Amino acid sequence: MNQFARIISSVFQPLLMPVYSILLLFVYTHFKLLFAHQFWTIMVPVILFSFAVPGILIYVVYKLKLISDLSLKIRKERFIPYSIVLISSGVVSYARLIFHCCYPHRHIHYHLVEDQRPHVRYRRFAGGGNVGKLLH
């Protein structure tokens, strides 16, 4: 049972939640029809700045002995890893301001064959987080 709990907590760790959110967005919504050609344009920044960069930097902080363990059981040690994740999210938001031409426009009119509706207007696909900022 302990091994099962470790697997579950590894799969559902907080750093991977934005990646899972985007994947679910592509799987269960019309997002995949509208932005299938931009899948990697959307996924790469999300993977890099929500999982890879914070994960590597938190591991470096652990190796520098600034935190005692990677599970962050001591409350006072959580400031540095949380700051790393916050700064990484800020970098994505700032990059979105600079490179907004690479991301979809605010209003998209698209004919969806399976719905048989002539025009579907999508304004925002995500209410919050970096995904909403990237696609805003």
C-alpha atoms as a PDB file:
ATOM      1  CA  MET A   1       0.000   0.000   0.000  1.00  0.00           C
ATOM      2  CA  ASN A   2       2.863   2.374   0.765  1.00  0.00           C
ATOM      3  CA  GLN A   3       4.347   1.786  -2.703  1.00  0.00           C
ATOM      4  CA  PHE A   4       0.970   2.527  -4.308  1.00  0.00           C
ATOM      5  CA  ALA A   5       0.696   5.782  -2.355  1.00  0.00           C
ATOM      6  CA  ARG A   6       4.160   6.853  -3.548  1.00  0.00           C
ATOM      7  CA  ILE A   7       3.243   6.147  -7.163  1.00  0.00           C
ATOM      8  CA  ILE A   8       0.010   8.124  -6.887  1.00  0.00           C
ATOM      9  CA  SER A   9       1.747  11.061  -5.258  1.00  0.00           C
ATOM     10  CA  SER A  10       4.459  11.033  -7.934  1.00  0.00           C
ATOM     11  CA  VAL A  11       1.964  10.961 -10.793  1.00  0.00           C
ATOM     12  CA  PHE A  12      -0.245  13.687  -9.298  1.00  0.00           C
ATOM     13  CA  GLN A  13       2.427  16.033  -8.040  1.00  0.00           C
ATOM     14  CA  PRO A  14       1.575  19.761  -8.271  1.00  0.00           C
ATOM     15  CA  LEU A  15       4.257  20.566 -10.848  1.00  0.00           C
ATOM     16  CA  LEU A  16       2.548  18.307 -13.391  1.00  0.00           C
ATOM     17  CA  MET A  17      -0.994  19.661 -12.943  1.00  0.00           C
ATOM     18  CA  PRO A  18      -0.716  22.382 -15.647  1.00  0.00           C
ATOM     19  CA  VAL A  19       0.535  19.776 -18.132  1.00  0.00           C
ATOM     20  CA  TYR A  20      -2.387  17.480 -17.314  1.00  0.00           C
ATOM     21  CA  SER A  21      -4.793  20.416 -17.618  1.00  0.00           C
ATOM     22  CA  ILE A  22      -3.630  21.249 -21.135  1.00  0.00           C
ATOM     23  CA  LEU A  23      -3.751  17.603 -22.158  1.00  0.00           C
ATOM     24  CA  LEU A  24      -7.314  17.310 -20.846  1.00  0.00           C
ATOM     25  CA  LEU A  25      -8.197  20.509 -22.682  1.00  0.00           C
ATOM     26  CA  PHE A  26      -6.981  18.983 -25.930  1.00  0.00           C
ATOM     27  CA  VAL A  27      -8.656  15.635 -25.314  1.00  0.00           C
ATOM     28  CA  TYR A  28     -12.113  16.654 -24.074  1.00  0.00           C
ATOM     29  CA  THR A  29     -12.896  20.006 -25.734  1.00  0.00           C
ATOM     30  CA  HIS A  30     -12.992  21.618 -29.166  1.00  0.00           C
ATOM     31  CA  PHE A  31      -9.596  23.033 -28.352  1.00  0.00           C
ATOM     32  CA  LYS A  32      -8.029  20.176 -30.300  1.00  0.00           C
ATOM     33  CA  LEU A  33      -9.941  21.169 -33.422  1.00  0.00           C
ATOM     34  CA  LEU A  34      -9.007  24.808 -33.185  1.00  0.00           C
ATOM     35  CA  PHE A  35      -5.371  24.497 -32.168  1.00  0.00           C
ATOM     36  CA  ALA A  36      -4.212  21.039 -33.250  1.00  0.00           C
ATOM     37  CA  HIS A  37      -1.517  22.615 -35.408  1.00  0.00           C
ATOM     38  CA  GLN A  38      -0.229  24.529 -32.357  1.00  0.00           C
ATOM     39  CA  PHE A  39      -0.148  21.638 -29.897  1.00  0.00           C
ATOM     40  CA  TRP A  40       3.605  21.787 -29.291  1.00  0.00           C
ATOM     41  CA  THR A  41       3.641  25.594 -29.392  1.00  0.00           C
ATOM     42  CA  ILE A  42       1.312  25.493 -26.413  1.00  0.00           C
ATOM     43  CA  MET A  43       2.707  22.407 -24.642  1.00  0.00           C
ATOM     44  CA  VAL A  44       6.443  23.204 -24.705  1.00  0.00           C
ATOM     45  CA  PRO A  45       6.247  26.415 -22.612  1.00  0.00           C
ATOM     46  CA  VAL A  46       3.834  24.741 -20.203  1.00  0.00           C
ATOM     47  CA  ILE A  47       6.108  21.709 -19.754  1.00  0.00           C
ATOM     48  CA  LEU A  48       9.256  23.806 -19.475  1.00  0.00           C
ATOM     49  CA  PHE A  49       8.061  26.505 -17.125  1.00  0.00           C
ATOM     50  CA  SER A  50       5.632  24.556 -14.968  1.00  0.00           C
ATOM     51  CA  PHE A  51       7.567  21.296 -14.586  1.00  0.00           C
ATOM     52  CA  ALA A  52      11.111  21.122 -15.972  1.00  0.00           C
ATOM     53  CA  VAL A  53      12.628  24.438 -14.844  1.00  0.00           C
ATOM     54  CA  PRO A  54      11.061  24.482 -11.358  1.00  0.00           C
ATOM     55  CA  GLY A  55      11.813  20.771 -10.869  1.00  0.00           C
ATOM     56  CA  ILE A  56      15.475  21.147 -11.793  1.00  0.00           C
ATOM     57  CA  LEU A  57      15.918  24.294  -9.698  1.00  0.00           C
ATOM     58  CA  ILE A  58      14.235  22.726  -6.675  1.00  0.00           C
ATOM     59  CA  TYR A  59      16.559  19.731  -7.030  1.00  0.00           C
ATOM     60  CA  VAL A  60      19.564  22.108  -7.162  1.00  0.00           C
ATOM     61  CA  VAL A  61      18.315  23.849  -4.016  1.00  0.00           C
ATOM     62  CA  TYR A  62      18.042  20.414  -2.365  1.00  0.00           C
ATOM     63  CA  LYS A  63      21.605  19.519  -3.389  1.00  0.00           C
ATOM     64  CA  LEU A  64      22.827  22.863  -1.996  1.00  0.00           C
ATOM     65  CA  LYS A  65      21.260  21.803   1.337  1.00  0.00           C
ATOM     66  CA  LEU A  66      18.929  24.822   1.462  1.00  0.00           C
ATOM     67  CA  ILE A  67      16.040  22.414   1.987  1.00  0.00           C
ATOM     68  CA  SER A  68      16.247  19.174   3.946  1.00  0.00           C
ATOM     69  CA  ASP A  69      14.076  16.975   1.715  1.00  0.00           C
ATOM     70  CA  LEU A  70      12.170  17.205  -1.548  1.00  0.00           C
ATOM     71  CA  SER A  71       8.792  16.617   0.092  1.00  0.00           C
ATOM     72  CA  LEU A  72       9.091  20.007   1.876  1.00  0.00           C
ATOM     73  CA  LYS A  73       7.770  18.801   5.211  1.00  0.00           C
ATOM     74  CA  ILE A  74       9.267  21.756   7.106  1.00  0.00           C
ATOM     75  CA  ARG A  75       7.102  24.813   6.544  1.00  0.00           C
ATOM     76  CA  LYS A  76       9.943  27.357   6.734  1.00  0.00           C
ATOM     77  CA  GLU A  77      11.766  25.637   3.861  1.00  0.00           C
ATOM     78  CA  ARG A  78       8.867  26.044   1.435  1.00  0.00           C
ATOM     79  CA  PHE A  79       9.571  29.699   0.648  1.00  0.00           C
ATOM     80  CA  ILE A  80      12.425  29.083  -1.819  1.00  0.00           C
ATOM     81  CA  PRO A  81      10.689  26.346  -3.883  1.00  0.00           C
ATOM     82  CA  TYR A  82       7.421  28.298  -3.966  1.00  0.00           C
ATOM     83  CA  SER A  83       9.331  31.383  -5.079  1.00  0.00           C
ATOM     84  CA  ILE A  84      10.976  29.383  -7.854  1.00  0.00           C
ATOM     85  CA  VAL A  85       7.575  28.237  -9.139  1.00  0.00           C
ATOM     86  CA  LEU A  86       6.187  31.786  -8.865  1.00  0.00           C
ATOM     87  CA  ILE A  87       9.116  33.290 -10.782  1.00  0.00           C
ATOM     88  CA  SER A  88       8.858  30.582 -13.436  1.00  0.00           C
ATOM     89  CA  SER A  89       5.166  31.395 -13.886  1.00  0.00           C
ATOM     90  CA  GLY A  90       6.048  35.077 -14.122  1.00  0.00           C
ATOM     91  CA  VAL A  91       8.569  34.329 -16.868  1.00  0.00           C
ATOM     92  CA  VAL A  92       5.862  32.552 -18.878  1.00  0.00           C
ATOM     93  CA  SER A  93       3.512  35.498 -18.423  1.00  0.00           C
ATOM     94  CA  TYR A  94       6.214  37.956 -19.474  1.00  0.00           C
ATOM     95  CA  ALA A  95       7.135  35.805 -22.480  1.00  0.00           C
ATOM     96  CA  ARG A  96       3.495  35.825 -23.479  1.00  0.00           C
ATOM     97  CA  LEU A  97       3.579  39.621 -23.547  1.00  0.00           C
ATOM     98  CA  ILE A  98       6.668  39.644 -25.752  1.00  0.00           C
ATOM     99  CA  PHE A  99       5.799  36.777 -28.099  1.00  0.00           C
ATOM    100  CA  HIS A 100       2.012  37.056 -28.192  1.00  0.00           C
ATOM    101  CA  CYS A 101       2.065  36.803 -31.955  1.00  0.00           C
ATOM    102  CA  CYS A 102       2.859  33.092 -31.601  1.00  0.00           C
ATOM    103  CA  TYR A 103      -0.352  32.373 -29.754  1.00  0.00           C
ATOM    104  CA  PRO A 104      -3.988  32.381 -30.875  1.00  0.00           C
ATOM    105  CA  HIS A 105      -5.913  35.619 -31.157  1.00  0.00           C
ATOM    106  CA  ARG A 106      -8.609  36.641 -28.712  1.00  0.00           C
ATOM    107  CA  HIS A 107     -11.642  35.951 -30.872  1.00  0.00           C
ATOM    108  CA  ILE A 108     -11.686  32.989 -33.178  1.00  0.00           C
ATOM    109  CA  HIS A 109     -14.553  32.186 -35.491  1.00  0.00           C
ATOM    110  CA  TYR A 110     -14.378  28.629 -36.649  1.00  0.00           C
ATOM    111  CA  HIS A 111     -16.796  26.348 -38.413  1.00  0.00           C
ATOM    112  CA  LEU A 112     -17.145  23.089 -36.504  1.00  0.00           C
ATOM    113  CA  VAL A 113     -18.531  20.284 -38.641  1.00  0.00           C
ATOM    114  CA  GLU A 114     -19.465  17.937 -35.837  1.00  0.00           C
ATOM    115  CA  ASP A 115     -21.595  20.533 -34.014  1.00  0.00           C
ATOM    116  CA  GLN A 116     -23.357  21.749 -37.175  1.00  0.00           C
ATOM    117  CA  ARG A 117     -23.305  25.288 -35.805  1.00  0.00           C
ATOM    118  CA  PRO A 118     -22.159  27.876 -38.318  1.00  0.00           C
ATOM    119  CA  HIS A 119     -19.908  29.859 -35.997  1.00  0.00           C
ATOM    120  CA  VAL A 120     -18.535  29.094 -32.589  1.00  0.00           C
ATOM    121  CA  ARG A 121     -16.908  31.934 -30.733  1.00  0.00           C
ATOM    122  CA  TYR A 122     -14.253  31.062 -28.187  1.00  0.00           C
ATOM    123  CA  ARG A 123     -13.081  33.918 -26.039  1.00  0.00           C
ATOM    124  CA  ARG A 124     -11.071  32.206 -23.331  1.00  0.00           C
ATOM    125  CA  PHE A 125     -10.296  28.561 -22.895  1.00  0.00           C
ATOM    126  CA  ALA A 126      -8.981  28.654 -19.340  1.00  0.00           C
ATOM    127  CA  GLY A 127     -10.175  30.806 -16.497  1.00  0.00           C
ATOM    128  CA  GLY A 128      -6.868  31.144 -14.725  1.00  0.00           C
ATOM    129  CA  GLY A 129      -3.263  30.193 -14.584  1.00  0.00           C
ATOM    130  CA  ASN A 130      -0.694  30.554 -17.293  1.00  0.00           C
ATOM    131  CA  VAL A 131      -2.837  28.811 -19.862  1.00  0.00           C
ATOM    132  CA  GLY A 132      -5.451  31.535 -19.647  1.00  0.00           C
ATOM    133  CA  LYS A 133      -2.743  34.182 -19.937  1.00  0.00           C
ATOM    134  CA  LEU A 134      -1.131  32.478 -22.910  1.00  0.00           C
ATOM    135  CA  LEU A 135      -4.400  32.210 -24.790  1.00  0.00           C
ATOM    136  CA  HIS A 136      -5.882  35.537 -23.741  1.00  0.00           C
END
